Amino acid sequence: MIARLKGLIDSVGDDWAVVDCGGVGYLVSCSARTLARLQAGVACALFVETHVREDAIQLYGFLETGERDWFRLLTTVQGVGARVALSILSVATPEQLLQIIAAQDKAGLTRAGGVGPKLALRILTELKDKAGRISLGGLAPAGSAVAAAAAPPAAPGRMEDAVSALVNLGYKRLEAFQAVGETARDLPEDADASTLIRAALKRLGKDLTR
């Protein structure tokens, strides 16, 4: 089982790279984000996920353990194969994925090739309770933006009402979710939806009282 490759990048393609390790070239499939950071003739070290099938051995490479962990998590969802997982990781960083799932933002997932609304909803539903365990290489540090996004709201009903109101005003769901989540931490736990909306709008640069 190959877990890591260290060597020179021999060549880079649309969705793959060849890593030369002591004269042996390994073909590794990667996300677009990872490939953009690889350059032929330059040394690199890739964390590798090895998939063994009856007719092939496929290697998937990642520069960060966080991206590899998300790859593993995404492929636990029915309908998400390795290529779809790489497609998702090509359009969103691990931190962005955590926020997308915490916000239940389907649009953030359907930007990836091969992910339609039904599959996006399945990913959001199945990973909702698992995503908080993963950040860039492990648990999110307390107080970080990642931890804030994954933390369950103190008053989920009021927060969801506030998020929905901002979405109806034209804000993207992820943007609204982040603004309400950040605002809620500065307000009393019993703050009502109207108060959350006003405070979130101020944070977004639009004062409702104008």
Protein backbone atom coordinates (compact mmCIF):
# COMPACT_ATOMS: atom_id res chain seq x y z
CA MET A 1 0.00 0.00 0.00
CA ILE A 2 1.47 3.36 -1.06
CA ALA A 3 0.81 6.14 1.48
CA ARG A 4 3.31 8.82 0.40
CA LEU A 5 5.47 9.67 -2.60
CA LYS A 6 8.49 11.95 -2.54
CA GLY A 7 10.40 12.83 -5.70
CA LEU A 8 10.49 15.08 -8.76
CA ILE A 9 7.44 15.99 -10.80
CA ASP A 10 8.04 14.48 -14.23
CA SER A 11 4.93 15.86 -15.95
CA VAL A 12 1.50 17.31 -15.20
CA GLY A 13 -1.73 16.72 -17.12
CA ASP A 14 -5.33 17.85 -16.86
CA ASP A 15 -6.12 15.65 -13.87
CA TRP A 16 -2.90 13.80 -13.16
CA ALA A 17 0.79 14.14 -12.42
CA VAL A 18 3.71 11.73 -12.79
CA VAL A 19 6.07 11.65 -9.80
CA ASP A 20 9.57 10.32 -10.48
CA CYS A 21 10.80 8.49 -7.38
CA GLY A 22 14.28 7.14 -7.97
CA GLY A 23 13.67 6.52 -11.65
CA VAL A 24 10.21 5.00 -11.24
CA GLY A 25 7.32 7.17 -12.42
CA TYR A 26 4.06 6.99 -10.51
CA LEU A 27 0.87 8.27 -12.17
CA VAL A 28 -1.18 10.09 -9.53
CA SER A 29 -4.65 11.62 -9.94
CA CYS A 30 -5.03 14.98 -8.19
CA SER A 31 -7.48 17.83 -7.74
CA ALA A 32 -7.08 20.93 -9.88
CA ARG A 33 -6.01 22.87 -6.78
CA THR A 34 -3.17 20.43 -6.11
CA LEU A 35 -2.08 20.28 -9.77
CA ALA A 36 -1.87 24.07 -9.91
CA ARG A 37 0.85 23.88 -7.25
CA LEU A 38 2.93 21.21 -9.02
CA GLN A 39 5.60 22.01 -11.60
CA ALA A 40 7.63 19.68 -13.79
CA GLY A 41 11.20 19.30 -12.56
CA VAL A 42 10.39 20.50 -9.05
CA ALA A 43 10.58 18.26 -5.99
CA CYS A 44 7.41 17.46 -4.09
CA ALA A 45 5.95 15.12 -1.50
CA LEU A 46 2.40 13.86 -1.93
CA PHE A 47 0.19 12.09 0.56
CA VAL A 48 -1.36 9.20 -1.33
CA GLU A 49 -4.64 7.29 -1.13
CA THR A 50 -4.34 3.93 -2.90
CA HIS A 51 -7.39 2.27 -4.43
CA VAL A 52 -6.96 -1.33 -5.53
CA ARG A 53 -9.38 -2.86 -8.04
CA GLU A 54 -9.33 -6.19 -9.85
CA ASP A 55 -8.00 -4.57 -13.02
CA ALA A 56 -6.01 -1.59 -11.73
CA ILE A 57 -4.23 0.15 -8.88
CA GLN A 58 -5.12 3.86 -8.76
CA LEU A 59 -3.17 6.47 -6.79
CA TYR A 60 -4.68 9.78 -5.63
CA GLY A 61 -2.30 12.47 -4.43
CA PHE A 62 -2.67 15.39 -2.02
CA LEU A 63 -0.29 18.08 -0.81
CA GLU A 64 -2.24 18.46 2.45
CA THR A 65 -3.51 15.84 4.87
CA GLY A 66 -6.70 17.88 5.20
CA GLU A 67 -7.49 17.44 1.52
CA ARG A 68 -6.77 13.70 1.76
CA ASP A 69 -9.05 13.39 4.79
CA TRP A 70 -11.86 15.15 2.92
CA PHE A 71 -11.32 12.86 -0.06
CA ARG A 72 -11.78 9.86 2.21
CA LEU A 73 -14.88 11.37 3.82
CA LEU A 74 -16.51 12.38 0.55
CA THR A 75 -16.06 8.93 -0.95
CA THR A 76 -18.07 7.40 1.91
CA VAL A 77 -21.18 9.03 0.42
CA GLN A 78 -23.13 6.86 -2.01
CA GLY A 79 -22.71 8.19 -5.53
CA VAL A 80 -19.43 10.00 -4.79
CA GLY A 81 -16.57 8.18 -6.46
CA ALA A 82 -12.95 9.21 -6.48
CA ARG A 83 -13.29 11.47 -9.54
CA VAL A 84 -16.31 13.30 -8.15
CA ALA A 85 -14.49 13.77 -4.84
CA LEU A 86 -11.51 15.28 -6.68
CA SER A 87 -13.89 17.49 -8.64
CA ILE A 88 -15.34 18.84 -5.38
CA LEU A 89 -11.86 19.39 -3.95
CA SER A 90 -10.96 21.26 -7.14
CA VAL A 91 -13.53 23.98 -6.43
CA ALA A 92 -13.40 24.20 -2.62
CA THR A 93 -10.65 24.12 -0.02
CA PRO A 94 -11.06 21.87 3.04
CA GLU A 95 -12.02 24.91 5.14
CA GLN A 96 -14.56 26.04 2.55
CA LEU A 97 -16.04 22.54 2.42
CA LEU A 98 -16.54 22.56 6.18
CA GLN A 99 -18.35 25.88 5.93
CA ILE A 100 -20.44 24.72 2.96
CA ILE A 101 -21.63 21.65 4.83
CA ALA A 102 -22.26 23.54 8.07
CA ALA A 103 -24.33 26.06 6.08
CA GLN A 104 -26.07 23.27 4.11
CA ASP A 105 -25.18 25.23 0.96
CA LYS A 106 -26.12 23.12 -2.07
CA ALA A 107 -24.91 25.76 -4.52
CA GLY A 108 -21.42 25.49 -3.10
CA LEU A 109 -21.27 21.81 -4.08
CA THR A 110 -23.03 21.93 -7.44
CA ARG A 111 -20.18 24.10 -8.77
CA ALA A 112 -18.21 20.84 -8.99
CA GLY A 113 -18.47 18.75 -12.13
CA GLY A 114 -20.60 15.64 -11.66
CA VAL A 115 -22.50 17.02 -8.66
CA GLY A 116 -26.17 17.74 -9.26
CA PRO A 117 -28.74 19.01 -6.72
CA LYS A 118 -29.75 15.51 -5.55
CA LEU A 119 -26.17 14.39 -4.94
CA ALA A 120 -25.33 17.69 -3.29
CA LEU A 121 -28.25 17.25 -0.88
CA ARG A 122 -27.12 13.69 -0.09
CA ILE A 123 -23.58 14.89 0.66
CA LEU A 124 -24.85 17.68 2.91
CA THR A 125 -27.19 15.33 4.76
CA GLU A 126 -24.76 12.45 5.26
CA LEU A 127 -21.76 14.58 6.23
CA LYS A 128 -23.55 17.12 8.41
CA ASP A 129 -22.61 15.34 11.65
CA LYS A 130 -19.19 14.17 10.47
CA ALA A 131 -17.71 17.31 8.91
CA GLY A 132 -17.02 19.06 12.21
CA ARG A 133 -14.39 16.45 13.05
CA ILE A 134 -12.27 17.45 10.08
CA SER A 135 -10.37 20.65 9.35
CA LEU A 136 -6.94 21.24 7.89
CA GLY A 137 -5.27 18.09 9.16
CA GLY A 138 -7.41 17.47 12.24
CA LEU A 139 -9.84 19.02 14.67
CA ALA A 140 -10.43 22.72 14.23
CA PRO A 141 -8.79 24.85 16.94
CA ALA A 142 -11.22 26.49 19.33
CA GLY A 143 -12.16 29.99 18.27
CA SER A 144 -11.07 29.52 14.65
CA ALA A 145 -13.27 30.37 11.68
CA VAL A 146 -13.53 26.67 10.92
CA ALA A 147 -14.66 25.81 14.42
CA ALA A 148 -17.16 28.65 14.37
CA ALA A 149 -18.67 27.37 11.14
CA ALA A 150 -18.96 23.82 12.46
CA ALA A 151 -20.25 24.70 15.91
CA PRO A 152 -24.00 24.06 16.44
CA PRO A 153 -25.94 27.31 16.97
CA ALA A 154 -27.35 28.07 20.40
CA ALA A 155 -30.76 28.82 18.91
CA PRO A 156 -31.00 26.90 15.61
CA GLY A 157 -34.58 27.97 14.85
CA ARG A 158 -33.92 31.70 15.12
CA MET A 159 -30.60 31.42 13.31
CA GLU A 160 -32.17 29.52 10.42
CA ASP A 161 -34.93 32.14 10.22
CA ALA A 162 -32.29 34.88 10.06
CA VAL A 163 -30.29 33.05 7.40
CA SER A 164 -33.42 32.48 5.30
CA ALA A 165 -34.32 36.16 5.55
CA LEU A 166 -30.88 37.22 4.31
CA VAL A 167 -31.07 34.71 1.45
CA ASN A 168 -34.44 36.21 0.49
CA LEU A 169 -32.76 39.62 0.43
CA GLY A 170 -30.33 38.33 -2.20
CA TYR A 171 -27.35 37.12 -0.18
CA LYS A 172 -25.78 33.74 -0.91
CA ARG A 173 -26.60 31.10 1.70
CA LEU A 174 -22.98 30.59 2.77
CA GLU A 175 -22.43 34.35 3.09
CA ALA A 176 -25.63 34.69 5.14
CA PHE A 177 -24.76 31.70 7.32
CA GLN A 178 -21.33 33.10 8.15
CA ALA A 179 -22.68 36.57 8.96
CA VAL A 180 -25.44 35.24 11.22
CA GLY A 181 -23.09 32.79 12.93
CA GLU A 182 -20.50 35.48 13.67
CA THR A 183 -23.18 37.92 14.82
CA ALA A 184 -24.89 35.42 17.12
CA ARG A 185 -21.70 35.03 19.13
CA ASP A 186 -21.76 38.73 20.00
CA LEU A 187 -25.41 38.78 21.08
CA PRO A 188 -27.33 37.28 24.03
CA GLU A 189 -28.46 33.68 23.52
CA ASP A 190 -32.11 34.76 23.63
CA ALA A 191 -31.71 37.31 20.80
CA ASP A 192 -34.66 36.97 18.44
CA ALA A 193 -34.46 36.52 14.66
CA SER A 194 -35.17 40.20 13.98
CA THR A 195 -32.22 41.24 16.13
CA LEU A 196 -29.97 38.69 14.42
CA ILE A 197 -31.03 39.94 10.99
CA ARG A 198 -30.32 43.59 11.80
CA ALA A 199 -26.95 42.80 13.33
CA ALA A 200 -26.00 40.52 10.42
CA LEU A 201 -26.97 43.19 7.89
CA LYS A 202 -24.73 45.69 9.68
CA ARG A 203 -21.92 43.16 9.51
CA LEU A 204 -22.58 42.78 5.81
CA GLY A 205 -22.50 46.56 5.36
CA LYS A 206 -26.21 47.23 5.13
CA ASP A 207 -27.94 48.80 8.11
CA LEU A 208 -31.63 47.90 8.12
CA THR A 209 -32.48 51.12 9.96
CA ARG A 210 -31.34 53.39 7.11
